[in-house]
Amino acid sequence: MHFNSETDNVSFIDLYEVNSCKLIPTTENNSDIIVKIEFEFQFKENHKKELILFYTIEEDQLGQICLYENHQLAKKWTKIIQDCISA
């Protein structure tokens, strides 16, 4: 679920079909400012990749105040997902 979105945005991924999940932070040009955080799922079949949005600065009503917490939460979810895939 993308909580910062004005409209509900829910994505479903079948982890049985996934090889890996990693976190993809996108930064502003030539800076360390994160403007977007996505999960990248690589599927077993065809090695297809799918990006799922977790955070975007455009929808952060507090102007990156929640970025640190969102980034930490995304890291925790990435580990949980990877553990589920590995099991």
N, C-alpha and C. Protein backbone atom coordinates (compact mmCIF):
# COMPACT_ATOMS: atom_id res chain seq x y z
N MET A 1 0.84 -1.19 0.00
CA MET A 1 0.00 0.00 0.00
C MET A 1 0.87 1.24 0.00
N HIS A 2 0.49 2.19 -0.77
CA HIS A 2 1.19 3.47 -0.81
C HIS A 2 0.38 4.43 0.04
N PHE A 3 0.87 4.71 1.25
CA PHE A 3 0.10 5.47 2.23
C PHE A 3 0.05 6.97 1.96
N ASN A 4 1.02 7.50 1.25
CA ASN A 4 1.05 8.94 1.02
C ASN A 4 0.18 9.38 -0.14
N SER A 5 -0.34 8.45 -0.88
CA SER A 5 -1.14 8.77 -2.05
C SER A 5 -2.50 9.32 -1.63
N GLU A 6 -3.00 10.28 -2.41
CA GLU A 6 -4.32 10.84 -2.13
C GLU A 6 -5.41 9.82 -2.41
N THR A 7 -5.17 8.97 -3.37
CA THR A 7 -6.13 7.91 -3.67
C THR A 7 -5.51 6.58 -3.26
N ASP A 8 -6.35 5.61 -2.96
CA ASP A 8 -5.84 4.29 -2.57
C ASP A 8 -5.05 3.70 -3.72
N ASN A 9 -3.87 3.19 -3.39
CA ASN A 9 -3.00 2.58 -4.38
C ASN A 9 -2.46 1.29 -3.78
N VAL A 10 -3.02 0.16 -4.19
CA VAL A 10 -2.66 -1.14 -3.63
C VAL A 10 -2.14 -2.03 -4.75
N SER A 11 -1.03 -2.71 -4.46
CA SER A 11 -0.44 -3.65 -5.42
C SER A 11 -0.30 -5.00 -4.75
N PHE A 12 -0.52 -6.06 -5.53
CA PHE A 12 -0.37 -7.41 -5.02
C PHE A 12 0.71 -8.12 -5.83
N ILE A 13 1.63 -8.76 -5.11
CA ILE A 13 2.71 -9.53 -5.74
C ILE A 13 2.69 -10.92 -5.12
N ASP A 14 2.65 -11.95 -5.98
CA ASP A 14 2.71 -13.32 -5.50
C ASP A 14 4.19 -13.67 -5.29
N LEU A 15 4.60 -13.78 -4.03
CA LEU A 15 6.01 -14.00 -3.71
C LEU A 15 6.51 -15.36 -4.18
N TYR A 16 5.61 -16.30 -4.45
CA TYR A 16 6.02 -17.59 -5.01
C TYR A 16 6.57 -17.43 -6.43
N GLU A 17 6.22 -16.34 -7.08
CA GLU A 17 6.66 -16.09 -8.45
C GLU A 17 7.89 -15.18 -8.52
N VAL A 18 8.43 -14.80 -7.36
CA VAL A 18 9.50 -13.79 -7.30
C VAL A 18 10.82 -14.42 -6.90
N ASN A 19 11.89 -14.01 -7.59
CA ASN A 19 13.25 -14.42 -7.25
C ASN A 19 13.86 -13.52 -6.19
N SER A 20 13.60 -12.21 -6.32
CA SER A 20 14.24 -11.27 -5.40
C SER A 20 13.45 -9.97 -5.30
N CYS A 21 13.74 -9.26 -4.22
CA CYS A 21 13.16 -7.94 -4.00
C CYS A 21 14.27 -7.04 -3.48
N LYS A 22 14.37 -5.87 -4.07
CA LYS A 22 15.34 -4.91 -3.56
C LYS A 22 14.74 -3.53 -3.55
N LEU A 23 15.34 -2.68 -2.76
CA LEU A 23 14.88 -1.30 -2.59
C LEU A 23 15.60 -0.41 -3.59
N ILE A 24 14.85 0.44 -4.28
CA ILE A 24 15.42 1.35 -5.26
C ILE A 24 15.10 2.79 -4.84
N PRO A 25 16.06 3.48 -4.19
CA PRO A 25 15.84 4.90 -3.91
C PRO A 25 16.31 5.73 -5.10
N THR A 26 15.51 6.68 -5.51
CA THR A 26 15.86 7.58 -6.61
C THR A 26 16.18 8.94 -6.01
N THR A 27 17.32 9.50 -6.39
CA THR A 27 17.74 10.79 -5.84
C THR A 27 17.58 11.89 -6.87
N GLU A 28 17.55 13.11 -6.34
CA GLU A 28 17.48 14.29 -7.19
C GLU A 28 18.81 14.44 -7.92
N ASN A 29 18.82 15.10 -9.05
CA ASN A 29 20.04 15.26 -9.85
C ASN A 29 21.22 15.71 -9.02
N ASN A 30 22.29 14.93 -9.06
CA ASN A 30 23.57 15.26 -8.40
C ASN A 30 23.43 15.63 -6.93
N SER A 31 22.55 14.95 -6.21
CA SER A 31 22.41 15.23 -4.77
C SER A 31 22.07 13.93 -4.04
N ASP A 32 22.00 14.02 -2.72
CA ASP A 32 21.65 12.87 -1.90
C ASP A 32 20.17 12.90 -1.49
N ILE A 33 19.43 13.86 -2.01
CA ILE A 33 18.02 14.01 -1.64
C ILE A 33 17.19 12.94 -2.34
N ILE A 34 16.58 12.08 -1.54
CA ILE A 34 15.74 11.01 -2.09
C ILE A 34 14.39 11.59 -2.47
N VAL A 35 13.99 11.34 -3.71
CA VAL A 35 12.69 11.84 -4.18
C VAL A 35 11.68 10.72 -4.39
N LYS A 36 12.19 9.47 -4.43
CA LYS A 36 11.28 8.35 -4.65
C LYS A 36 11.93 7.07 -4.11
N ILE A 37 11.10 6.21 -3.50
CA ILE A 37 11.54 4.90 -3.04
C ILE A 37 10.59 3.87 -3.64
N GLU A 38 11.18 2.86 -4.28
CA GLU A 38 10.37 1.81 -4.90
C GLU A 38 10.94 0.45 -4.52
N PHE A 39 10.07 -0.56 -4.52
CA PHE A 39 10.50 -1.94 -4.42
C PHE A 39 10.64 -2.47 -5.84
N GLU A 40 11.74 -3.15 -6.11
CA GLU A 40 11.91 -3.80 -7.41
C GLU A 40 11.81 -5.31 -7.21
N PHE A 41 10.81 -5.90 -7.82
CA PHE A 41 10.61 -7.34 -7.77
C PHE A 41 11.10 -7.95 -9.08
N GLN A 42 11.96 -8.96 -8.97
CA GLN A 42 12.40 -9.69 -10.15
C GLN A 42 11.71 -11.04 -10.13
N PHE A 43 10.99 -11.34 -11.19
CA PHE A 43 10.21 -12.56 -11.27
C PHE A 43 11.03 -13.71 -11.81
N LYS A 44 10.67 -14.92 -11.40
CA LYS A 44 11.37 -16.13 -11.83
C LYS A 44 11.20 -16.33 -13.34
N GLU A 45 9.97 -16.21 -13.79
CA GLU A 45 9.66 -16.44 -15.19
C GLU A 45 10.04 -15.20 -16.01
N ASN A 46 10.80 -15.40 -17.04
CA ASN A 46 11.22 -14.34 -17.97
C ASN A 46 12.09 -13.27 -17.33
N HIS A 47 12.44 -13.42 -16.07
CA HIS A 47 13.27 -12.43 -15.35
C HIS A 47 12.70 -11.01 -15.45
N LYS A 48 11.39 -10.94 -15.58
CA LYS A 48 10.69 -9.65 -15.65
C LYS A 48 10.87 -8.91 -14.33
N LYS A 49 10.97 -7.58 -14.39
CA LYS A 49 11.07 -6.76 -13.19
C LYS A 49 9.85 -5.86 -13.10
N GLU A 50 9.39 -5.66 -11.87
CA GLU A 50 8.26 -4.77 -11.64
C GLU A 50 8.60 -3.84 -10.49
N LEU A 51 8.35 -2.56 -10.69
CA LEU A 51 8.59 -1.56 -9.64
C LEU A 51 7.27 -1.20 -8.97
N ILE A 52 7.31 -1.19 -7.64
CA ILE A 52 6.14 -0.81 -6.85
C ILE A 52 6.52 0.41 -6.02
N LEU A 53 5.79 1.49 -6.21
CA LEU A 53 6.07 2.75 -5.51
C LEU A 53 5.77 2.63 -4.02
N PHE A 54 6.71 3.10 -3.20
CA PHE A 54 6.52 3.12 -1.75
C PHE A 54 6.46 4.55 -1.22
N TYR A 55 7.29 5.43 -1.78
CA TYR A 55 7.36 6.82 -1.32
C TYR A 55 7.71 7.71 -2.50
N THR A 56 7.09 8.87 -2.54
CA THR A 56 7.47 9.90 -3.49
C THR A 56 7.35 11.26 -2.81
N ILE A 57 8.34 12.10 -3.04
CA ILE A 57 8.38 13.40 -2.38
C ILE A 57 7.19 14.28 -2.79
N GLU A 58 6.68 14.09 -4.00
CA GLU A 58 5.55 14.91 -4.47
C GLU A 58 4.31 14.72 -3.59
N GLU A 59 4.20 13.55 -2.99
CA GLU A 59 3.03 13.27 -2.16
C GLU A 59 3.32 13.34 -0.67
N ASP A 60 4.53 13.78 -0.32
CA ASP A 60 4.90 13.95 1.09
C ASP A 60 4.45 15.34 1.52
N GLN A 61 3.35 15.38 2.23
CA GLN A 61 2.76 16.66 2.62
C GLN A 61 3.62 17.45 3.60
N LEU A 62 4.56 16.77 4.24
CA LEU A 62 5.40 17.45 5.23
C LEU A 62 6.79 17.77 4.67
N GLY A 63 7.00 17.57 3.38
CA GLY A 63 8.26 17.95 2.76
C GLY A 63 9.47 17.20 3.27
N GLN A 64 9.52 15.94 3.10
CA GLN A 64 10.60 15.03 3.45
C GLN A 64 10.77 14.81 4.95
N ILE A 65 9.88 15.30 5.77
CA ILE A 65 9.97 15.04 7.20
C ILE A 65 9.76 13.56 7.47
N CYS A 66 8.90 12.93 6.71
CA CYS A 66 8.60 11.50 6.89
C CYS A 66 9.55 10.61 6.10
N LEU A 67 10.46 11.18 5.34
CA LEU A 67 11.34 10.38 4.48
C LEU A 67 12.16 9.38 5.28
N TYR A 68 12.80 9.81 6.35
CA TYR A 68 13.66 8.91 7.11
C TYR A 68 12.86 7.71 7.61
N GLU A 69 11.70 7.96 8.22
CA GLU A 69 10.88 6.87 8.74
C GLU A 69 10.40 5.96 7.62
N ASN A 70 9.99 6.55 6.49
CA ASN A 70 9.54 5.75 5.36
C ASN A 70 10.67 4.91 4.79
N HIS A 71 11.87 5.47 4.74
CA HIS A 71 13.03 4.73 4.22
C HIS A 71 13.37 3.56 5.14
N GLN A 72 13.33 3.78 6.45
CA GLN A 72 13.60 2.71 7.41
C GLN A 72 12.53 1.61 7.31
N LEU A 73 11.28 2.01 7.19
CA LEU A 73 10.19 1.06 7.05
C LEU A 73 10.34 0.25 5.76
N ALA A 74 10.71 0.90 4.68
CA ALA A 74 10.91 0.20 3.41
C ALA A 74 12.05 -0.81 3.52
N LYS A 75 13.12 -0.46 4.23
CA LYS A 75 14.24 -1.39 4.44
C LYS A 75 13.77 -2.62 5.23
N LYS A 76 12.97 -2.39 6.26
CA LYS A 76 12.46 -3.51 7.06
C LYS A 76 11.58 -4.42 6.20
N TRP A 77 10.71 -3.82 5.38
CA TRP A 77 9.83 -4.62 4.52
C TRP A 77 10.63 -5.39 3.47
N THR A 78 11.69 -4.79 2.96
CA THR A 78 12.54 -5.49 1.99
C THR A 78 13.13 -6.74 2.62
N LYS A 79 13.60 -6.63 3.86
CA LYS A 79 14.17 -7.80 4.56
C LYS A 79 13.10 -8.85 4.80
N ILE A 80 11.92 -8.44 5.24
CA ILE A 80 10.82 -9.39 5.48
C ILE A 80 10.46 -10.11 4.18
N ILE A 81 10.36 -9.36 3.10
CA ILE A 81 10.00 -9.96 1.80
C ILE A 81 11.08 -10.93 1.36
N GLN A 82 12.35 -10.52 1.46
CA GLN A 82 13.47 -11.40 1.07
C GLN A 82 13.47 -12.67 1.91
N ASP A 83 13.20 -12.55 3.21
CA ASP A 83 13.14 -13.73 4.07
C ASP A 83 12.03 -14.68 3.63
N CYS A 84 10.89 -14.13 3.23
CA CYS A 84 9.77 -14.96 2.75
C CYS A 84 10.11 -15.64 1.44
N ILE A 85 10.80 -14.94 0.56
CA ILE A 85 11.18 -15.52 -0.72
C ILE A 85 12.19 -16.64 -0.52
N SER A 86 13.11 -16.44 0.40
CA SER A 86 14.19 -17.42 0.66
C SER A 86 13.70 -18.68 1.36
N ALA A 87 12.58 -18.58 2.08
CA ALA A 87 12.10 -19.71 2.87
C ALA A 87 11.58 -20.84 2.02
